[in-house]
Amino acid sequence: MFEPRVKERSTLESSFRTLELIYHATVRSLRKSHGNAVIGLVMSVLMTCVLVGVFYVMFTVLGGRGMAIRGNFILFLMSGIFVFMVHNAAVQAVMGAEGPTSAMMLHGPMNPAIAICAAAISSLYTQTLSIIVILFAAHVLLEPIVIEQPVYAFGMVMLGWASGCAIGLVFLALKPFMPSVVAIVSQIYRRMNMIFSGKMFVANSLPAYMLHFFTWNPLFHAIDQGRGFIFINYTPHNTNLTYPITLTCILFALGMMGEFYARKNASASMGARG
């Protein structure tokens, strides 16, 4: 609809056209949160700074510094909060992506897959810029930030983002059939991550009987493994990379199958209920 018929494109031309559509959809997704891109970034940075400040005061007042890794305490807090924010933002963005009943899908080149990619990339873009700005400010204003293996540490941020996208995709697939239930469950999941993500402590400090309360969460593994790459004197023993990567792939497969089924069975009434 709204697109003239054109000759059949090659695979390369189709790929570039899809990437162009994802780019424009990503820009639109970024603009949805705030009309001014700079103000939108500032708000994201402020939210992260407030969370870091709250946990810093809480650890200082309650005397919880003993649970931290020996080294830069601010970096310890940020190493957990960054992955936590990226993960939760990805869950919320993908779950809130426009579905098959959205008015945008009336335009010929647009489809739900592009909307999902745009939502995921826009959340990653915003959170990555926030991380860079906050790390630079902390390095200049507070104390020098030293990350032992920065590439692998950023890889854990990407793992947190990918697992968040996979979980958000599952919620998105279920949303047309049970919108109220999915909204409640997703809210509960994001709130549970405040505790069960392990951003306030290290996995090595947990007793064995408590580990099973946390090891189900892929975010817990990503944060703990990330701290192993950030701090030279910390080696994770109770987490691994196999579980979150495997779970992310499984959830992506389930989410894509569910989204395809929902798209084939979508109706205007589903959009009205959501």
C-alpha atoms as a PDB file:
ATOM      1  CA  MET A   1       0.000   0.000   0.000  1.00  0.00           C
ATOM      2  CA  PHE A   2       1.164   3.563  -0.839  1.00  0.00           C
ATOM      3  CA  GLU A   3       4.100   2.151  -2.835  1.00  0.00           C
ATOM      4  CA  PRO A   4       4.317   1.815  -6.639  1.00  0.00           C
ATOM      5  CA  ARG A   5       5.255  -1.515  -8.138  1.00  0.00           C
ATOM      6  CA  VAL A   6       8.922  -1.741  -9.022  1.00  0.00           C
ATOM      7  CA  LYS A   7      11.061  -4.281 -10.764  1.00  0.00           C
ATOM      8  CA  GLU A   8      12.404  -7.185  -8.782  1.00  0.00           C
ATOM      9  CA  ARG A   9      15.478  -6.216  -6.727  1.00  0.00           C
ATOM     10  CA  SER A  10      18.637  -8.185  -6.217  1.00  0.00           C
ATOM     11  CA  THR A  11      19.545  -9.568  -2.794  1.00  0.00           C
ATOM     12  CA  LEU A  12      22.114  -6.804  -2.271  1.00  0.00           C
ATOM     13  CA  GLU A  13      19.633  -4.076  -3.207  1.00  0.00           C
ATOM     14  CA  SER A  14      17.012  -5.563  -0.893  1.00  0.00           C
ATOM     15  CA  SER A  15      19.535  -5.726   1.950  1.00  0.00           C
ATOM     16  CA  PHE A  16      20.498  -2.078   1.576  1.00  0.00           C
ATOM     17  CA  ARG A  17      16.844  -1.084   1.352  1.00  0.00           C
ATOM     18  CA  THR A  18      16.051  -3.002   4.539  1.00  0.00           C
ATOM     19  CA  LEU A  19      18.982  -1.363   6.354  1.00  0.00           C
ATOM     20  CA  GLU A  20      17.766   2.048   5.171  1.00  0.00           C
ATOM     21  CA  LEU A  21      14.278   1.315   6.490  1.00  0.00           C
ATOM     22  CA  ILE A  22      15.710   0.185   9.842  1.00  0.00           C
ATOM     23  CA  TYR A  23      17.751   3.402  10.039  1.00  0.00           C
ATOM     24  CA  HIS A  24      14.739   5.655   9.417  1.00  0.00           C
ATOM     25  CA  ALA A  25      12.565   3.599  11.777  1.00  0.00           C
ATOM     26  CA  THR A  26      15.288   3.844  14.459  1.00  0.00           C
ATOM     27  CA  VAL A  27      15.411   7.647  14.109  1.00  0.00           C
ATOM     28  CA  ARG A  28      11.630   7.756  14.417  1.00  0.00           C
ATOM     29  CA  SER A  29      11.767   5.501  17.492  1.00  0.00           C
ATOM     30  CA  LEU A  30      14.350   7.803  19.105  1.00  0.00           C
ATOM     31  CA  ARG A  31      12.213  10.853  18.360  1.00  0.00           C
ATOM     32  CA  LYS A  32       9.150   9.235  19.939  1.00  0.00           C
ATOM     33  CA  SER A  33      10.646   9.417  23.430  1.00  0.00           C
ATOM     34  CA  HIS A  34      11.600  13.093  23.092  1.00  0.00           C
ATOM     35  CA  GLY A  35      11.482  15.559  20.219  1.00  0.00           C
ATOM     36  CA  ASN A  36      14.921  16.935  21.079  1.00  0.00           C
ATOM     37  CA  ALA A  37      17.619  14.264  20.809  1.00  0.00           C
ATOM     38  CA  VAL A  38      20.017  16.104  23.157  1.00  0.00           C
ATOM     39  CA  ILE A  39      17.402  16.471  25.896  1.00  0.00           C
ATOM     40  CA  GLY A  40      16.460  12.813  25.476  1.00  0.00           C
ATOM     41  CA  LEU A  41      20.117  11.823  26.015  1.00  0.00           C
ATOM     42  CA  VAL A  42      20.426  14.148  29.023  1.00  0.00           C
ATOM     43  CA  MET A  43      17.337  12.543  30.604  1.00  0.00           C
ATOM     44  CA  SER A  44      18.814   9.071  30.094  1.00  0.00           C
ATOM     45  CA  VAL A  45      22.128  10.162  31.646  1.00  0.00           C
ATOM     46  CA  LEU A  46      20.318  11.739  34.605  1.00  0.00           C
ATOM     47  CA  MET A  47      18.298   8.570  35.256  1.00  0.00           C
ATOM     48  CA  THR A  48      21.485   6.486  35.382  1.00  0.00           C
ATOM     49  CA  CYS A  49      23.278   9.070  37.548  1.00  0.00           C
ATOM     50  CA  VAL A  50      20.382   9.129  40.009  1.00  0.00           C
ATOM     51  CA  LEU A  51      20.472   5.337  40.298  1.00  0.00           C
ATOM     52  CA  VAL A  52      24.258   5.368  40.861  1.00  0.00           C
ATOM     53  CA  GLY A  53      23.844   8.133  43.472  1.00  0.00           C
ATOM     54  CA  VAL A  54      21.084   6.278  45.318  1.00  0.00           C
ATOM     55  CA  PHE A  55      23.115   3.074  45.557  1.00  0.00           C
ATOM     56  CA  TYR A  56      26.262   5.003  46.562  1.00  0.00           C
ATOM     57  CA  VAL A  57      24.419   6.657  49.462  1.00  0.00           C
ATOM     58  CA  MET A  58      22.744   3.368  50.424  1.00  0.00           C
ATOM     59  CA  PHE A  59      26.057   1.462  50.483  1.00  0.00           C
ATOM     60  CA  THR A  60      27.745   4.274  52.428  1.00  0.00           C
ATOM     61  CA  VAL A  61      24.999   4.651  55.036  1.00  0.00           C
ATOM     62  CA  LEU A  62      24.344   0.930  55.513  1.00  0.00           C
ATOM     63  CA  GLY A  63      28.020   0.020  55.419  1.00  0.00           C
ATOM     64  CA  GLY A  64      27.739  -2.309  52.446  1.00  0.00           C
ATOM     65  CA  ARG A  65      31.119  -1.525  50.912  1.00  0.00           C
ATOM     66  CA  GLY A  66      32.454  -4.796  52.236  1.00  0.00           C
ATOM     67  CA  MET A  67      30.392  -6.619  49.589  1.00  0.00           C
ATOM     68  CA  ALA A  68      32.090  -4.663  46.787  1.00  0.00           C
ATOM     69  CA  ILE A  69      35.191  -5.669  44.841  1.00  0.00           C
ATOM     70  CA  ARG A  70      38.453  -4.164  46.027  1.00  0.00           C
ATOM     71  CA  GLY A  71      39.165  -1.268  43.710  1.00  0.00           C
ATOM     72  CA  ASN A  72      37.203   1.682  42.317  1.00  0.00           C
ATOM     73  CA  PHE A  73      33.899   1.639  44.216  1.00  0.00           C
ATOM     74  CA  ILE A  74      32.097   3.936  41.740  1.00  0.00           C
ATOM     75  CA  LEU A  75      33.156   1.655  38.895  1.00  0.00           C
ATOM     76  CA  PHE A  76      31.812  -1.326  40.840  1.00  0.00           C
ATOM     77  CA  LEU A  77      28.402   0.369  41.110  1.00  0.00           C
ATOM     78  CA  MET A  78      28.381   1.466  37.478  1.00  0.00           C
ATOM     79  CA  SER A  79      29.417  -1.982  36.222  1.00  0.00           C
ATOM     80  CA  GLY A  80      26.155  -3.416  37.529  1.00  0.00           C
ATOM     81  CA  ILE A  81      23.854  -0.463  36.892  1.00  0.00           C
ATOM     82  CA  PHE A  82      24.920  -0.020  33.255  1.00  0.00           C
ATOM     83  CA  VAL A  83      24.099  -3.605  32.264  1.00  0.00           C
ATOM     84  CA  PHE A  84      20.908  -3.474  34.343  1.00  0.00           C
ATOM     85  CA  MET A  85      19.730  -0.289  32.589  1.00  0.00           C
ATOM     86  CA  VAL A  86      20.617  -1.602  29.123  1.00  0.00           C
ATOM     87  CA  HIS A  87      18.786  -4.883  29.769  1.00  0.00           C
ATOM     88  CA  ASN A  88      15.607  -3.334  31.162  1.00  0.00           C
ATOM     89  CA  ALA A  89      15.534  -0.648  28.457  1.00  0.00           C
ATOM     90  CA  ALA A  90      15.797  -3.355  25.776  1.00  0.00           C
ATOM     91  CA  VAL A  91      12.959  -5.368  27.331  1.00  0.00           C
ATOM     92  CA  GLN A  92      10.712  -2.301  27.473  1.00  0.00           C
ATOM     93  CA  ALA A  93      11.627  -1.044  23.986  1.00  0.00           C
ATOM     94  CA  VAL A  94      11.150  -4.365  22.152  1.00  0.00           C
ATOM     95  CA  MET A  95       7.983  -5.179  24.060  1.00  0.00           C
ATOM     96  CA  GLY A  96       6.600  -1.767  23.117  1.00  0.00           C
ATOM     97  CA  ALA A  97       7.518  -2.046  19.411  1.00  0.00           C
ATOM     98  CA  GLU A  98       4.736  -1.478  16.903  1.00  0.00           C
ATOM     99  CA  GLY A  99       2.920  -4.670  16.008  1.00  0.00           C
ATOM    100  CA  PRO A 100       1.053  -5.851  12.922  1.00  0.00           C
ATOM    101  CA  THR A 101      -2.083  -3.840  13.831  1.00  0.00           C
ATOM    102  CA  SER A 102      -0.185  -0.524  14.042  1.00  0.00           C
ATOM    103  CA  ALA A 103      -1.036   2.204  11.526  1.00  0.00           C
ATOM    104  CA  MET A 104       2.625   2.271  10.434  1.00  0.00           C
ATOM    105  CA  MET A 105       2.223  -1.221   8.980  1.00  0.00           C
ATOM    106  CA  LEU A 106      -0.118   0.209   6.331  1.00  0.00           C
ATOM    107  CA  HIS A 107       2.942   1.599   4.555  1.00  0.00           C
ATOM    108  CA  GLY A 108       4.280  -0.903   2.057  1.00  0.00           C
ATOM    109  CA  PRO A 109       7.970  -1.185   3.046  1.00  0.00           C
ATOM    110  CA  MET A 110       7.223  -1.321   6.769  1.00  0.00           C
ATOM    111  CA  ASN A 111       6.823  -4.589   8.679  1.00  0.00           C
ATOM    112  CA  PRO A 112       6.948  -5.692  12.355  1.00  0.00           C
ATOM    113  CA  ALA A 113      10.506  -7.051  12.046  1.00  0.00           C
ATOM    114  CA  ILE A 114      11.815  -3.605  11.076  1.00  0.00           C
ATOM    115  CA  ALA A 115       9.880  -2.011  13.946  1.00  0.00           C
ATOM    116  CA  ILE A 116      11.388  -4.509  16.411  1.00  0.00           C
ATOM    117  CA  CYS A 117      14.933  -3.919  15.115  1.00  0.00           C
ATOM    118  CA  ALA A 118      14.438  -0.149  15.291  1.00  0.00           C
ATOM    119  CA  ALA A 119      13.173  -0.290  18.882  1.00  0.00           C
ATOM    120  CA  ALA A 120      16.088  -2.503  19.966  1.00  0.00           C
ATOM    121  CA  ILE A 121      18.753  -0.392  18.219  1.00  0.00           C
ATOM    122  CA  SER A 122      17.337   2.906  19.501  1.00  0.00           C
ATOM    123  CA  SER A 123      17.458   1.674  23.115  1.00  0.00           C
ATOM    124  CA  LEU A 124      21.052   0.426  22.636  1.00  0.00           C
ATOM    125  CA  TYR A 125      22.080   3.742  21.045  1.00  0.00           C
ATOM    126  CA  THR A 126      20.665   5.821  23.892  1.00  0.00           C
ATOM    127  CA  GLN A 127      22.074   3.642  26.659  1.00  0.00           C
ATOM    128  CA  THR A 128      25.525   3.358  25.020  1.00  0.00           C
ATOM    129  CA  LEU A 129      25.808   7.147  24.702  1.00  0.00           C
ATOM    130  CA  SER A 130      24.761   7.451  28.341  1.00  0.00           C
ATOM    131  CA  ILE A 131      27.463   4.976  29.395  1.00  0.00           C
ATOM    132  CA  ILE A 132      30.153   6.830  27.445  1.00  0.00           C
ATOM    133  CA  VAL A 133      29.139  10.230  28.853  1.00  0.00           C
ATOM    134  CA  ILE A 134      28.968   8.987  32.471  1.00  0.00           C
ATOM    135  CA  LEU A 135      32.281   7.099  32.264  1.00  0.00           C
ATOM    136  CA  PHE A 136      33.998  10.157  30.791  1.00  0.00           C
ATOM    137  CA  ALA A 137      32.534  12.437  33.477  1.00  0.00           C
ATOM    138  CA  ALA A 138      33.553  10.027  36.258  1.00  0.00           C
ATOM    139  CA  HIS A 139      37.060   9.697  34.799  1.00  0.00           C
ATOM    140  CA  VAL A 140      37.539  13.476  34.613  1.00  0.00           C
ATOM    141  CA  LEU A 141      35.678  14.691  37.715  1.00  0.00           C
ATOM    142  CA  LEU A 142      36.099  11.868  40.259  1.00  0.00           C
ATOM    143  CA  GLU A 143      39.030   9.521  39.691  1.00  0.00           C
ATOM    144  CA  PRO A 144      40.683   7.758  36.737  1.00  0.00           C
ATOM    145  CA  ILE A 145      38.627   4.843  35.408  1.00  0.00           C
ATOM    146  CA  VAL A 146      40.685   1.774  34.515  1.00  0.00           C
ATOM    147  CA  ILE A 147      38.948  -1.192  32.855  1.00  0.00           C
ATOM    148  CA  GLU A 148      41.106  -4.305  32.571  1.00  0.00           C
ATOM    149  CA  GLN A 149      39.510  -5.718  29.384  1.00  0.00           C
ATOM    150  CA  PRO A 150      37.222  -3.024  27.920  1.00  0.00           C
ATOM    151  CA  VAL A 151      36.253  -4.962  24.773  1.00  0.00           C
ATOM    152  CA  TYR A 152      35.055  -8.011  26.706  1.00  0.00           C
ATOM    153  CA  ALA A 153      33.401  -5.767  29.312  1.00  0.00           C
ATOM    154  CA  PHE A 154      31.401  -4.042  26.575  1.00  0.00           C
ATOM    155  CA  GLY A 155      30.587  -7.494  25.234  1.00  0.00           C
ATOM    156  CA  MET A 156      28.778  -8.183  28.520  1.00  0.00           C
ATOM    157  CA  VAL A 157      26.789  -4.982  28.011  1.00  0.00           C
ATOM    158  CA  MET A 158      25.833  -6.295  24.577  1.00  0.00           C
ATOM    159  CA  LEU A 159      24.894  -9.650  26.124  1.00  0.00           C
ATOM    160  CA  GLY A 160      22.634  -7.848  28.596  1.00  0.00           C
ATOM    161  CA  TRP A 161      21.071  -5.963  25.674  1.00  0.00           C
ATOM    162  CA  ALA A 162      20.618  -9.110  23.567  1.00  0.00           C
ATOM    163  CA  SER A 163      19.010 -11.056  26.422  1.00  0.00           C
ATOM    164  CA  GLY A 164      16.717  -8.085  27.091  1.00  0.00           C
ATOM    165  CA  CYS A 165      15.703  -8.010  23.414  1.00  0.00           C
ATOM    166  CA  ALA A 166      14.961 -11.757  23.498  1.00  0.00           C
ATOM    167  CA  ILE A 167      12.787 -11.467  26.612  1.00  0.00           C
ATOM    168  CA  GLY A 168      11.047  -8.398  25.187  1.00  0.00           C
ATOM    169  CA  LEU A 169      10.366 -10.312  21.968  1.00  0.00           C
ATOM    170  CA  VAL A 170       8.628 -13.085  23.932  1.00  0.00           C
ATOM    171  CA  PHE A 171       6.491 -10.481  25.728  1.00  0.00           C
ATOM    172  CA  LEU A 172       5.717  -8.822  22.383  1.00  0.00           C
ATOM    173  CA  ALA A 173       4.556 -12.139  20.890  1.00  0.00           C
ATOM    174  CA  LEU A 174       2.226 -12.768  23.846  1.00  0.00           C
ATOM    175  CA  LYS A 175       0.926  -9.207  24.130  1.00  0.00           C
ATOM    176  CA  PRO A 176      -1.817  -9.397  21.421  1.00  0.00           C
ATOM    177  CA  PHE A 177      -3.438 -12.366  23.176  1.00  0.00           C
ATOM    178  CA  MET A 178      -3.127 -11.245  26.819  1.00  0.00           C
ATOM    179  CA  PRO A 179      -2.108  -7.572  26.960  1.00  0.00           C
ATOM    180  CA  SER A 180      -2.989  -6.952  30.620  1.00  0.00           C
ATOM    181  CA  VAL A 181      -1.224 -10.084  31.869  1.00  0.00           C
ATOM    182  CA  VAL A 182       1.913  -9.357  29.823  1.00  0.00           C
ATOM    183  CA  ALA A 183       2.033  -5.766  31.100  1.00  0.00           C
ATOM    184  CA  ILE A 184       1.880  -6.970  34.714  1.00  0.00           C
ATOM    185  CA  VAL A 185       4.388  -9.808  34.239  1.00  0.00           C
ATOM    186  CA  SER A 186       6.887  -7.571  32.427  1.00  0.00           C
ATOM    187  CA  GLN A 187       6.597  -4.966  35.173  1.00  0.00           C
ATOM    188  CA  ILE A 188       7.196  -7.634  37.826  1.00  0.00           C
ATOM    189  CA  TYR A 189      10.209  -8.964  35.894  1.00  0.00           C
ATOM    190  CA  ARG A 190      11.811  -5.522  35.612  1.00  0.00           C
ATOM    191  CA  ARG A 191      11.228  -4.856  39.314  1.00  0.00           C
ATOM    192  CA  MET A 192      12.659  -8.269  40.271  1.00  0.00           C
ATOM    193  CA  ASN A 193      15.846  -7.343  38.434  1.00  0.00           C
ATOM    194  CA  MET A 194      16.451  -4.632  41.036  1.00  0.00           C
ATOM    195  CA  ILE A 195      17.382  -7.482  43.406  1.00  0.00           C
ATOM    196  CA  PHE A 196      17.986 -10.622  41.360  1.00  0.00           C
ATOM    197  CA  SER A 197      20.322  -9.033  38.799  1.00  0.00           C
ATOM    198  CA  GLY A 198      23.102  -9.061  41.403  1.00  0.00           C
ATOM    199  CA  LYS A 199      24.195  -5.521  40.629  1.00  0.00           C
ATOM    200  CA  MET A 200      24.559  -4.691  44.349  1.00  0.00           C
ATOM    201  CA  PHE A 201      26.940  -7.565  45.202  1.00  0.00           C
ATOM    202  CA  VAL A 202      29.258 -10.101  43.597  1.00  0.00           C
ATOM    203  CA  ALA A 203      28.269 -13.713  42.997  1.00  0.00           C
ATOM    204  CA  ASN A 204      31.388 -15.045  44.718  1.00  0.00           C
ATOM    205  CA  SER A 205      30.180 -13.585  48.024  1.00  0.00           C
ATOM    206  CA  LEU A 206      26.866 -15.471  47.968  1.00  0.00           C
ATOM    207  CA  PRO A 207      26.484 -18.667  50.030  1.00  0.00           C
ATOM    208  CA  ALA A 208      25.652 -21.792  48.061  1.00  0.00           C
ATOM    209  CA  TYR A 209      22.059 -22.032  49.335  1.00  0.00           C
ATOM    210  CA  MET A 210      21.262 -18.560  47.917  1.00  0.00           C
ATOM    211  CA  LEU A 211      22.768 -18.989  44.465  1.00  0.00           C
ATOM    212  CA  HIS A 212      19.727 -20.726  42.965  1.00  0.00           C
ATOM    213  CA  PHE A 213      17.669 -17.577  43.662  1.00  0.00           C
ATOM    214  CA  PHE A 214      19.886 -15.662  41.217  1.00  0.00           C
ATOM    215  CA  THR A 215      21.393 -18.064  38.679  1.00  0.00           C
ATOM    216  CA  TRP A 216      18.121 -18.344  36.708  1.00  0.00           C
ATOM    217  CA  ASN A 217      18.579 -14.737  35.614  1.00  0.00           C
ATOM    218  CA  PRO A 218      20.782 -14.198  32.518  1.00  0.00           C
ATOM    219  CA  LEU A 219      21.391 -10.622  33.670  1.00  0.00           C
ATOM    220  CA  PHE A 220      23.020 -11.948  36.856  1.00  0.00           C
ATOM    221  CA  HIS A 221      25.559 -13.884  34.766  1.00  0.00           C
ATOM    222  CA  ALA A 222      26.232 -10.953  32.411  1.00  0.00           C
ATOM    223  CA  ILE A 223      26.897  -8.518  35.277  1.00  0.00           C
ATOM    224  CA  ASP A 224      29.134 -10.900  37.217  1.00  0.00           C
ATOM    225  CA  GLN A 225      31.126 -11.954  34.162  1.00  0.00           C
ATOM    226  CA  GLY A 226      31.461  -8.290  33.191  1.00  0.00           C
ATOM    227  CA  ARG A 227      33.019  -7.515  36.569  1.00  0.00           C
ATOM    228  CA  GLY A 228      35.529 -10.278  35.924  1.00  0.00           C
ATOM    229  CA  PHE A 229      36.621  -8.422  32.777  1.00  0.00           C
ATOM    230  CA  ILE A 230      36.583  -4.997  34.457  1.00  0.00           C
ATOM    231  CA  PHE A 231      38.514  -5.733  37.672  1.00  0.00           C
ATOM    232  CA  ILE A 232      41.905  -7.396  37.585  1.00  0.00           C
ATOM    233  CA  ASN A 233      41.477  -8.914  41.071  1.00  0.00           C
ATOM    234  CA  TYR A 234      38.076 -10.555  40.539  1.00  0.00           C
ATOM    235  CA  THR A 235      37.466 -13.950  38.919  1.00  0.00           C
ATOM    236  CA  PRO A 236      33.834 -15.161  38.680  1.00  0.00           C
ATOM    237  CA  HIS A 237      33.369 -18.714  39.968  1.00  0.00           C
ATOM    238  CA  ASN A 238      29.587 -19.037  40.247  1.00  0.00           C
ATOM    239  CA  THR A 239      28.511 -17.694  36.836  1.00  0.00           C
ATOM    240  CA  ASN A 240      29.278 -18.505  33.210  1.00  0.00           C
ATOM    241  CA  LEU A 241      28.630 -17.279  29.676  1.00  0.00           C
ATOM    242  CA  THR A 242      27.140 -20.497  28.313  1.00  0.00           C
ATOM    243  CA  TYR A 243      23.825 -20.176  30.150  1.00  0.00           C
ATOM    244  CA  PRO A 244      22.891 -16.568  29.187  1.00  0.00           C
ATOM    245  CA  ILE A 245      23.962 -17.041  25.554  1.00  0.00           C
ATOM    246  CA  THR A 246      22.038 -20.318  25.219  1.00  0.00           C
ATOM    247  CA  LEU A 247      18.953 -18.913  26.922  1.00  0.00           C
ATOM    248  CA  THR A 248      19.065 -15.792  24.754  1.00  0.00           C
ATOM    249  CA  CYS A 249      19.156 -17.888  21.555  1.00  0.00           C
ATOM    250  CA  ILE A 250      16.258 -20.067  22.776  1.00  0.00           C
ATOM    251  CA  LEU A 251      14.142 -17.053  23.736  1.00  0.00           C
ATOM    252  CA  PHE A 252      14.903 -15.370  20.393  1.00  0.00           C
ATOM    253  CA  ALA A 253      13.707 -18.488  18.554  1.00  0.00           C
ATOM    254  CA  LEU A 254      10.549 -18.749  20.677  1.00  0.00           C
ATOM    255  CA  GLY A 255       9.877 -15.034  20.379  1.00  0.00           C
ATOM    256  CA  MET A 256      10.243 -15.008  16.598  1.00  0.00           C
ATOM    257  CA  MET A 257       7.946 -18.024  16.227  1.00  0.00           C
ATOM    258  CA  GLY A 258       5.412 -16.429  18.552  1.00  0.00           C
ATOM    259  CA  GLU A 259       5.598 -13.089  16.771  1.00  0.00           C
ATOM    260  CA  PHE A 260       5.118 -14.781  13.391  1.00  0.00           C
ATOM    261  CA  TYR A 261       2.053 -16.613  14.715  1.00  0.00           C
ATOM    262  CA  ALA A 262       0.668 -13.425  16.253  1.00  0.00           C
ATOM    263  CA  ARG A 263       1.244 -11.539  13.002  1.00  0.00           C
ATOM    264  CA  LYS A 264      -0.640 -14.160  10.979  1.00  0.00           C
ATOM    265  CA  ASN A 265      -3.553 -14.128  13.419  1.00  0.00           C
ATOM    266  CA  ALA A 266      -3.584 -10.408  14.193  1.00  0.00           C
ATOM    267  CA  SER A 267      -6.775  -8.378  13.947  1.00  0.00           C
ATOM    268  CA  ALA A 268      -7.817  -4.786  14.548  1.00  0.00           C
ATOM    269  CA  SER A 269      -9.588  -5.824  17.754  1.00  0.00           C
ATOM    270  CA  MET A 270      -6.242  -7.023  19.157  1.00  0.00           C
ATOM    271  CA  GLY A 271      -4.745  -3.612  18.536  1.00  0.00           C
ATOM    272  CA  ALA A 272      -7.706  -1.972  20.261  1.00  0.00           C
ATOM    273  CA  ARG A 273      -7.322  -4.240  23.313  1.00  0.00           C
ATOM    274  CA  GLY A 274      -3.574  -3.568  23.555  1.00  0.00           C
END
